[in-house]
PDB file of N, CA and C in Angstrom:
ATOM      1  N   MET A   1      41.378   7.809 -23.533  1.00  0.00           N
ATOM      2  CA  MET A   1      41.460   8.492 -24.806  1.00  0.00           C
ATOM      3  C   MET A   1      40.580   9.730 -24.740  1.00  0.00           C
ATOM      4  N   ARG A   2      41.181  10.881 -24.966  1.00  0.00           N
ATOM      5  CA  ARG A   2      40.458  12.140 -24.919  1.00  0.00           C
ATOM      6  C   ARG A   2      39.590  12.292 -26.158  1.00  0.00           C
ATOM      7  N   PRO A   3      38.301  12.636 -25.965  1.00  0.00           N
ATOM      8  CA  PRO A   3      37.444  12.908 -27.125  1.00  0.00           C
ATOM      9  C   PRO A   3      38.008  14.070 -27.941  1.00  0.00           C
ATOM     10  N   GLN A   4      37.924  13.982 -29.245  1.00  0.00           N
ATOM     11  CA  GLN A   4      38.477  14.999 -30.136  1.00  0.00           C
ATOM     12  C   GLN A   4      37.749  16.342 -30.036  1.00  0.00           C
ATOM     13  N   ASP A   5      36.502  16.321 -29.562  1.00  0.00           N
ATOM     14  CA  ASP A   5      35.744  17.575 -29.484  1.00  0.00           C
ATOM     15  C   ASP A   5      35.814  18.216 -28.096  1.00  0.00           C
ATOM     16  N   THR A   6      36.734  17.738 -27.246  1.00  0.00           N
ATOM     17  CA  THR A   6      36.869  18.260 -25.886  1.00  0.00           C
ATOM     18  C   THR A   6      38.261  18.846 -25.692  1.00  0.00           C
ATOM     19  N   HIS A   7      38.301  20.053 -25.183  1.00  0.00           N
ATOM     20  CA  HIS A   7      39.589  20.702 -24.906  1.00  0.00           C
ATOM     21  C   HIS A   7      40.339  19.882 -23.850  1.00  0.00           C
ATOM     22  N   PRO A   8      41.659  19.743 -23.967  1.00  0.00           N
ATOM     23  CA  PRO A   8      42.424  18.941 -23.002  1.00  0.00           C
ATOM     24  C   PRO A   8      42.216  19.366 -21.545  1.00  0.00           C
ATOM     25  N   ALA A   9      42.145  20.658 -21.286  1.00  0.00           N
ATOM     26  CA  ALA A   9      41.940  21.119 -19.904  1.00  0.00           C
ATOM     27  C   ALA A   9      40.555  20.714 -19.392  1.00  0.00           C
ATOM     28  N   ALA A  10      39.558  20.810 -20.246  1.00  0.00           N
ATOM     29  CA  ALA A  10      38.201  20.409 -19.858  1.00  0.00           C
ATOM     30  C   ALA A  10      38.147  18.906 -19.600  1.00  0.00           C
ATOM     31  N   TYR A  11      38.836  18.154 -20.415  1.00  0.00           N
ATOM     32  CA  TYR A  11      38.868  16.698 -20.243  1.00  0.00           C
ATOM     33  C   TYR A  11      39.528  16.333 -18.915  1.00  0.00           C
ATOM     34  N   GLN A  12      40.642  16.977 -18.581  1.00  0.00           N
ATOM     35  CA  GLN A  12      41.318  16.711 -17.316  1.00  0.00           C
ATOM     36  C   GLN A  12      40.432  17.072 -16.129  1.00  0.00           C
ATOM     37  N   ALA A  13      39.725  18.187 -16.222  1.00  0.00           N
ATOM     38  CA  ALA A  13      38.808  18.585 -15.149  1.00  0.00           C
ATOM     39  C   ALA A  13      37.702  17.553 -14.978  1.00  0.00           C
ATOM     40  N   GLN A  14      37.194  17.056 -16.097  1.00  0.00           N
ATOM     41  CA  GLN A  14      36.143  16.041 -16.041  1.00  0.00           C
ATOM     42  C   GLN A  14      36.662  14.758 -15.390  1.00  0.00           C
ATOM     43  N   LEU A  15      37.876  14.352 -15.738  1.00  0.00           N
ATOM     44  CA  LEU A  15      38.465  13.162 -15.124  1.00  0.00           C
ATOM     45  C   LEU A  15      38.609  13.325 -13.612  1.00  0.00           C
ATOM     46  N   GLU A  16      39.017  14.498 -13.177  1.00  0.00           N
ATOM     47  CA  GLU A  16      39.161  14.756 -11.737  1.00  0.00           C
ATOM     48  C   GLU A  16      37.819  14.645 -11.018  1.00  0.00           C
ATOM     49  N   VAL A  17      36.775  15.158 -11.639  1.00  0.00           N
ATOM     50  CA  VAL A  17      35.438  15.054 -11.042  1.00  0.00           C
ATOM     51  C   VAL A  17      35.049  13.585 -10.915  1.00  0.00           C
ATOM     52  N   TYR A  18      35.272  12.809 -11.958  1.00  0.00           N
ATOM     53  CA  TYR A  18      34.941  11.384 -11.911  1.00  0.00           C
ATOM     54  C   TYR A  18      35.759  10.654 -10.855  1.00  0.00           C
ATOM     55  N   ARG A  19      37.024  10.997 -10.713  1.00  0.00           N
ATOM     56  CA  ARG A  19      37.882  10.338  -9.716  1.00  0.00           C
ATOM     57  C   ARG A  19      37.408  10.596  -8.293  1.00  0.00           C
ATOM     58  N   ARG A  20      36.817  11.759  -8.056  1.00  0.00           N
ATOM     59  CA  ARG A  20      36.344  12.096  -6.708  1.00  0.00           C
ATOM     60  C   ARG A  20      34.968  11.513  -6.398  1.00  0.00           C
ATOM     61  N   MET A  21      34.268  11.044  -7.393  1.00  0.00           N
ATOM     62  CA  MET A  21      32.928  10.488  -7.175  1.00  0.00           C
ATOM     63  C   MET A  21      33.000   9.147  -6.454  1.00  0.00           C
ATOM     64  N   SER A  22      31.959   8.903  -5.687  1.00  0.00           N
ATOM     65  CA  SER A  22      31.842   7.592  -5.038  1.00  0.00           C
ATOM     66  C   SER A  22      31.481   6.544  -6.088  1.00  0.00           C
ATOM     67  N   PRO A  23      31.793   5.285  -5.789  1.00  0.00           N
ATOM     68  CA  PRO A  23      31.391   4.227  -6.717  1.00  0.00           C
ATOM     69  C   PRO A  23      29.875   4.202  -6.958  1.00  0.00           C
ATOM     70  N   GLU A  24      29.111   4.516  -5.924  1.00  0.00           N
ATOM     71  CA  GLU A  24      27.659   4.529  -6.069  1.00  0.00           C
ATOM     72  C   GLU A  24      27.209   5.604  -7.048  1.00  0.00           C
ATOM     73  N   ARG A  25      27.835   6.778  -6.971  1.00  0.00           N
ATOM     74  CA  ARG A  25      27.476   7.869  -7.891  1.00  0.00           C
ATOM     75  C   ARG A  25      27.847   7.515  -9.319  1.00  0.00           C
ATOM     76  N   LYS A  26      29.044   6.939  -9.500  1.00  0.00           N
ATOM     77  CA  LYS A  26      29.464   6.517 -10.842  1.00  0.00           C
ATOM     78  C   LYS A  26      28.496   5.478 -11.400  1.00  0.00           C
ATOM     79  N   SER A  27      28.110   4.540 -10.555  1.00  0.00           N
ATOM     80  CA  SER A  27      27.168   3.501 -10.986  1.00  0.00           C
ATOM     81  C   SER A  27      25.832   4.114 -11.391  1.00  0.00           C
ATOM     82  N   GLY A  28      25.373   5.103 -10.645  1.00  0.00           N
ATOM     83  CA  GLY A  28      24.116   5.775 -10.986  1.00  0.00           C
ATOM     84  C   GLY A  28      24.196   6.498 -12.317  1.00  0.00           C
ATOM     85  N   ILE A  29      25.324   7.125 -12.594  1.00  0.00           N
ATOM     86  CA  ILE A  29      25.503   7.808 -13.876  1.00  0.00           C
ATOM     87  C   ILE A  29      25.470   6.804 -15.013  1.00  0.00           C
ATOM     88  N   VAL A  30      26.167   5.689 -14.843  1.00  0.00           N
ATOM     89  CA  VAL A  30      26.180   4.651 -15.881  1.00  0.00           C
ATOM     90  C   VAL A  30      24.773   4.105 -16.105  1.00  0.00           C
ATOM     91  N   ARG A  31      24.048   3.866 -15.024  1.00  0.00           N
ATOM     92  CA  ARG A  31      22.671   3.358 -15.141  1.00  0.00           C
ATOM     93  C   ARG A  31      21.797   4.347 -15.908  1.00  0.00           C
ATOM     94  N   ASP A  32      21.889   5.626 -15.549  1.00  0.00           N
ATOM     95  CA  ASP A  32      21.080   6.647 -16.212  1.00  0.00           C
ATOM     96  C   ASP A  32      21.436   6.777 -17.692  1.00  0.00           C
ATOM     97  N   LEU A  33      22.725   6.754 -18.008  1.00  0.00           N
ATOM     98  CA  LEU A  33      23.142   6.835 -19.413  1.00  0.00           C
ATOM     99  C   LEU A  33      22.664   5.617 -20.199  1.00  0.00           C
ATOM    100  N   SER A  34      22.760   4.454 -19.584  1.00  0.00           N
ATOM    101  CA  SER A  34      22.307   3.231 -20.246  1.00  0.00           C
ATOM    102  C   SER A  34      20.815   3.298 -20.557  1.00  0.00           C
ATOM    103  N   GLU A  35      20.037   3.774 -19.602  1.00  0.00           N
ATOM    104  CA  GLU A  35      18.588   3.898 -19.830  1.00  0.00           C
ATOM    105  C   GLU A  35      18.293   4.924 -20.914  1.00  0.00           C
ATOM    106  N   SER A  36      19.071   6.013 -20.945  1.00  0.00           N
ATOM    107  CA  SER A  36      18.877   7.020 -21.989  1.00  0.00           C
ATOM    108  C   SER A  36      19.145   6.431 -23.374  1.00  0.00           C
ATOM    109  N   VAL A  37      20.203   5.644 -23.487  1.00  0.00           N
ATOM    110  CA  VAL A  37      20.536   5.021 -24.771  1.00  0.00           C
ATOM    111  C   VAL A  37      19.439   4.049 -25.183  1.00  0.00           C
ATOM    112  N   ARG A  38      18.922   3.280 -24.234  1.00  0.00           N
ATOM    113  CA  ARG A  38      17.842   2.341 -24.557  1.00  0.00           C
ATOM    114  C   ARG A  38      16.586   3.089 -25.015  1.00  0.00           C
ATOM    115  N   CYS A  39      16.276   4.198 -24.367  1.00  0.00           N
ATOM    116  CA  CYS A  39      15.113   5.002 -24.781  1.00  0.00           C
ATOM    117  C   CYS A  39      15.291   5.532 -26.194  1.00  0.00           C
ATOM    118  N   LEU A  40      16.477   6.036 -26.494  1.00  0.00           N
ATOM    119  CA  LEU A  40      16.753   6.534 -27.844  1.00  0.00           C
ATOM    120  C   LEU A  40      16.653   5.407 -28.871  1.00  0.00           C
ATOM    121  N   ALA A  41      17.167   4.238 -28.524  1.00  0.00           N
ATOM    122  CA  ALA A  41      17.105   3.100 -29.446  1.00  0.00           C
ATOM    123  C   ALA A  41      15.652   2.676 -29.677  1.00  0.00           C
ATOM    124  N   ARG A  42      14.851   2.623 -28.589  1.00  0.00           N
ATOM    125  CA  ARG A  42      13.425   2.279 -28.738  1.00  0.00           C
ATOM    126  C   ARG A  42      12.719   3.276 -29.645  1.00  0.00           C
ATOM    127  N   GLU A  43      12.986   4.559 -29.454  1.00  0.00           N
ATOM    128  CA  GLU A  43      12.346   5.571 -30.289  1.00  0.00           C
ATOM    129  C   GLU A  43      12.787   5.465 -31.737  1.00  0.00           C
ATOM    130  N   GLY A  44      14.046   5.127 -31.967  1.00  0.00           N
ATOM    131  CA  GLY A  44      14.518   4.910 -33.334  1.00  0.00           C
ATOM    132  C   GLY A  44      13.787   3.754 -33.995  1.00  0.00           C
ATOM    133  N   ILE A  45      13.599   2.668 -33.234  1.00  0.00           N
ATOM    134  CA  ILE A  45      12.856   1.505 -33.756  1.00  0.00           C
ATOM    135  C   ILE A  45      11.426   1.918 -34.075  1.00  0.00           C
ATOM    136  N   ARG A  46      10.794   2.676 -33.174  1.00  0.00           N
ATOM    137  CA  ARG A  46       9.410   3.127 -33.399  1.00  0.00           C
ATOM    138  C   ARG A  46       9.304   4.010 -34.645  1.00  0.00           C
ATOM    139  N   GLN A  47      10.295   4.872 -34.864  1.00  0.00           N
ATOM    140  CA  GLN A  47      10.263   5.740 -36.043  1.00  0.00           C
ATOM    141  C   GLN A  47      10.455   4.948 -37.325  1.00  0.00           C
ATOM    142  N   ARG A  48      11.335   3.955 -37.294  1.00  0.00           N
ATOM    143  CA  ARG A  48      11.569   3.142 -38.493  1.00  0.00           C
ATOM    144  C   ARG A  48      10.429   2.155 -38.751  1.00  0.00           C
ATOM    145  N   HIS A  49       9.749   1.748 -37.667  1.00  0.00           N
ATOM    146  CA  HIS A  49       8.693   0.726 -37.778  1.00  0.00           C
ATOM    147  C   HIS A  49       7.455   1.154 -36.988  1.00  0.00           C
ATOM    148  N   PRO A  50       6.729   2.158 -37.453  1.00  0.00           N
ATOM    149  CA  PRO A  50       5.551   2.628 -36.701  1.00  0.00           C
ATOM    150  C   PRO A  50       4.458   1.564 -36.578  1.00  0.00           C
ATOM    151  N   GLU A  51       4.531   0.547 -37.402  1.00  0.00           N
ATOM    152  CA  GLU A  51       3.521  -0.513 -37.352  1.00  0.00           C
ATOM    153  C   GLU A  51       3.768  -1.516 -36.222  1.00  0.00           C
ATOM    154  N   TYR A  52       4.952  -1.482 -35.592  1.00  0.00           N
ATOM    155  CA  TYR A  52       5.281  -2.438 -34.525  1.00  0.00           C
ATOM    156  C   TYR A  52       4.448  -2.184 -33.280  1.00  0.00           C
ATOM    157  N   SER A  53       4.039  -3.269 -32.649  1.00  0.00           N
ATOM    158  CA  SER A  53       3.394  -3.188 -31.336  1.00  0.00           C
ATOM    159  C   SER A  53       4.482  -2.924 -30.289  1.00  0.00           C
ATOM    160  N   ASN A  54       4.063  -2.626 -29.070  1.00  0.00           N
ATOM    161  CA  ASN A  54       5.042  -2.425 -27.990  1.00  0.00           C
ATOM    162  C   ASN A  54       5.902  -3.668 -27.786  1.00  0.00           C
ATOM    163  N   GLU A  55       5.289  -4.835 -27.895  1.00  0.00           N
ATOM    164  CA  GLU A  55       6.033  -6.088 -27.740  1.00  0.00           C
ATOM    165  C   GLU A  55       7.061  -6.261 -28.857  1.00  0.00           C
ATOM    166  N   GLU A  56       6.699  -5.923 -30.074  1.00  0.00           N
ATOM    167  CA  GLU A  56       7.649  -6.025 -31.192  1.00  0.00           C
ATOM    168  C   GLU A  56       8.808  -5.039 -31.020  1.00  0.00           C
ATOM    169  N   VAL A  57       8.514  -3.861 -30.515  1.00  0.00           N
ATOM    170  CA  VAL A  57       9.589  -2.886 -30.246  1.00  0.00           C
ATOM    171  C   VAL A  57      10.532  -3.456 -29.192  1.00  0.00           C
ATOM    172  N   ARG A  58       9.971  -4.043 -28.148  1.00  0.00           N
ATOM    173  CA  ARG A  58      10.797  -4.638 -27.082  1.00  0.00           C
ATOM    174  C   ARG A  58      11.680  -5.750 -27.627  1.00  0.00           C
ATOM    175  N   ARG A  59      11.104  -6.616 -28.455  1.00  0.00           N
ATOM    176  CA  ARG A  59      11.875  -7.720 -29.016  1.00  0.00           C
ATOM    177  C   ARG A  59      12.919  -7.221 -30.008  1.00  0.00           C
ATOM    178  N   ALA A  60      12.587  -6.193 -30.774  1.00  0.00           N
ATOM    179  CA  ALA A  60      13.565  -5.614 -31.702  1.00  0.00           C
ATOM    180  C   ALA A  60      14.724  -4.984 -30.930  1.00  0.00           C
ATOM    181  N   LEU A  61      14.426  -4.363 -29.804  1.00  0.00           N
ATOM    182  CA  LEU A  61      15.480  -3.776 -28.972  1.00  0.00           C
ATOM    183  C   LEU A  61      16.391  -4.867 -28.421  1.00  0.00           C
ATOM    184  N   ILE A  62      15.812  -5.964 -27.975  1.00  0.00           N
ATOM    185  CA  ILE A  62      16.612  -7.096 -27.487  1.00  0.00           C
ATOM    186  C   ILE A  62      17.519  -7.603 -28.613  1.00  0.00           C
ATOM    187  N   ALA A  63      16.971  -7.720 -29.813  1.00  0.00           N
ATOM    188  CA  ALA A  63      17.770  -8.173 -30.957  1.00  0.00           C
ATOM    189  C   ALA A  63      18.891  -7.191 -31.268  1.00  0.00           C
ATOM    190  N   LEU A  64      18.605  -5.915 -31.155  1.00  0.00           N
ATOM    191  CA  LEU A  64      19.611  -4.888 -31.418  1.00  0.00           C
ATOM    192  C   LEU A  64      20.750  -4.963 -30.403  1.00  0.00           C
ATOM    193  N   ILE A  65      20.404  -5.120 -29.146  1.00  0.00           N
ATOM    194  CA  ILE A  65      21.407  -5.115 -28.078  1.00  0.00           C
ATOM    195  C   ILE A  65      22.171  -6.437 -28.002  1.00  0.00           C
ATOM    196  N   TYR A  66      21.460  -7.544 -28.052  1.00  0.00           N
ATOM    197  CA  TYR A  66      22.077  -8.846 -27.793  1.00  0.00           C
ATOM    198  C   TYR A  66      22.252  -9.722 -29.031  1.00  0.00           C
ATOM    199  N   GLY A  67      21.682  -9.288 -30.150  1.00  0.00           N
ATOM    200  CA  GLY A  67      21.810 -10.056 -31.380  1.00  0.00           C
ATOM    201  C   GLY A  67      20.564 -10.868 -31.687  1.00  0.00           C
ATOM    202  N   SER A  68      20.354 -11.083 -32.974  1.00  0.00           N
ATOM    203  CA  SER A  68      19.163 -11.810 -33.431  1.00  0.00           C
ATOM    204  C   SER A  68      19.158 -13.260 -32.977  1.00  0.00           C
ATOM    205  N   ALA A  69      20.337 -13.872 -32.908  1.00  0.00           N
ATOM    206  CA  ALA A  69      20.394 -15.289 -32.511  1.00  0.00           C
ATOM    207  C   ALA A  69      19.857 -15.480 -31.097  1.00  0.00           C
ATOM    208  N   LEU A  70      20.243 -14.606 -30.183  1.00  0.00           N
ATOM    209  CA  LEU A  70      19.740 -14.721 -28.817  1.00  0.00           C
ATOM    210  C   LEU A  70      18.249 -14.419 -28.767  1.00  0.00           C
ATOM    211  N   ALA A  71      17.820 -13.396 -29.493  1.00  0.00           N
ATOM    212  CA  ALA A  71      16.392 -13.066 -29.513  1.00  0.00           C
ATOM    213  C   ALA A  71      15.583 -14.258 -30.031  1.00  0.00           C
ATOM    214  N   GLN A  72      16.083 -14.934 -31.035  1.00  0.00           N
ATOM    215  CA  GLN A  72      15.388 -16.105 -31.572  1.00  0.00           C
ATOM    216  C   GLN A  72      15.310 -17.220 -30.541  1.00  0.00           C
ATOM    217  N   ARG A  73      16.363 -17.367 -29.743  1.00  0.00           N
ATOM    218  CA  ARG A  73      16.347 -18.383 -28.683  1.00  0.00           C
ATOM    219  C   ARG A  73      15.356 -18.028 -27.586  1.00  0.00           C
ATOM    220  N   LEU A  74      15.177 -16.729 -27.339  1.00  0.00           N
ATOM    221  CA  LEU A  74      14.223 -16.312 -26.311  1.00  0.00           C
ATOM    222  C   LEU A  74      12.777 -16.530 -26.746  1.00  0.00           C
ATOM    223  N   TRP A  75      12.521 -16.342 -28.050  1.00  0.00           N
ATOM    224  CA  TRP A  75      11.160 -16.484 -28.584  1.00  0.00           C
ATOM    225  C   TRP A  75      11.189 -17.453 -29.764  1.00  0.00           C
ATOM    226  N   PRO A  76      11.443 -18.739 -29.497  1.00  0.00           N
ATOM    227  CA  PRO A  76      11.507 -19.690 -30.612  1.00  0.00           C
ATOM    228  C   PRO A  76      10.161 -19.773 -31.334  1.00  0.00           C
ATOM    229  N   GLY A  77      10.248 -19.836 -32.636  1.00  0.00           N
ATOM    230  CA  GLY A  77       9.039 -19.929 -33.451  1.00  0.00           C
ATOM    231  C   GLY A  77       8.439 -18.587 -33.822  1.00  0.00           C
ATOM    232  N   ASP A  78       8.854 -17.524 -33.157  1.00  0.00           N
ATOM    233  CA  ASP A  78       8.374 -16.177 -33.491  1.00  0.00           C
ATOM    234  C   ASP A  78       9.436 -15.470 -34.324  1.00  0.00           C
ATOM    235  N   PRO A  79       9.022 -14.703 -35.311  1.00  0.00           N
ATOM    236  CA  PRO A  79      10.028 -13.946 -36.080  1.00  0.00           C
ATOM    237  C   PRO A  79      10.652 -12.857 -35.213  1.00  0.00           C
ATOM    238  N   VAL A  80      11.931 -12.607 -35.452  1.00  0.00           N
ATOM    239  CA  VAL A  80      12.624 -11.545 -34.734  1.00  0.00           C
ATOM    240  C   VAL A  80      12.403 -10.255 -35.514  1.00  0.00           C
ATOM    241  N   PRO A  81      11.745  -9.261 -34.894  1.00  0.00           N
ATOM    242  CA  PRO A  81      11.521  -7.998 -35.594  1.00  0.00           C
ATOM    243  C   PRO A  81      12.837  -7.301 -35.916  1.00  0.00           C
ATOM    244  N   SER A  82      12.896  -6.687 -37.040  1.00  0.00           N
ATOM    245  CA  SER A  82      14.093  -5.947 -37.443  1.00  0.00           C
ATOM    246  C   SER A  82      14.194  -4.649 -36.660  1.00  0.00           C
ATOM    247  N   PRO A  83      15.371  -4.366 -36.113  1.00  0.00           N
ATOM    248  CA  PRO A  83      15.529  -3.103 -35.396  1.00  0.00           C
ATOM    249  C   PRO A  83      15.519  -1.950 -36.387  1.00  0.00           C
TER     250      PRO A  83
END
């Protein structure tokens, strides 16, 4: 599905570049993008909850990504911080 903010020719050129990439390069791009998203999410949590410790930010991120139920199972008896 072509993004609405991308010209069709630009989108096709981008697809061709991706098709020529090695699996290792594609995997590296996905890894880097994933880490960028996690960093942005952590910073969003920090901005919404400046009182959270680093551990609370980490647990809130886990809850955001995997759900509160899983976070509660990982840390039974501890409250799950709100993302």
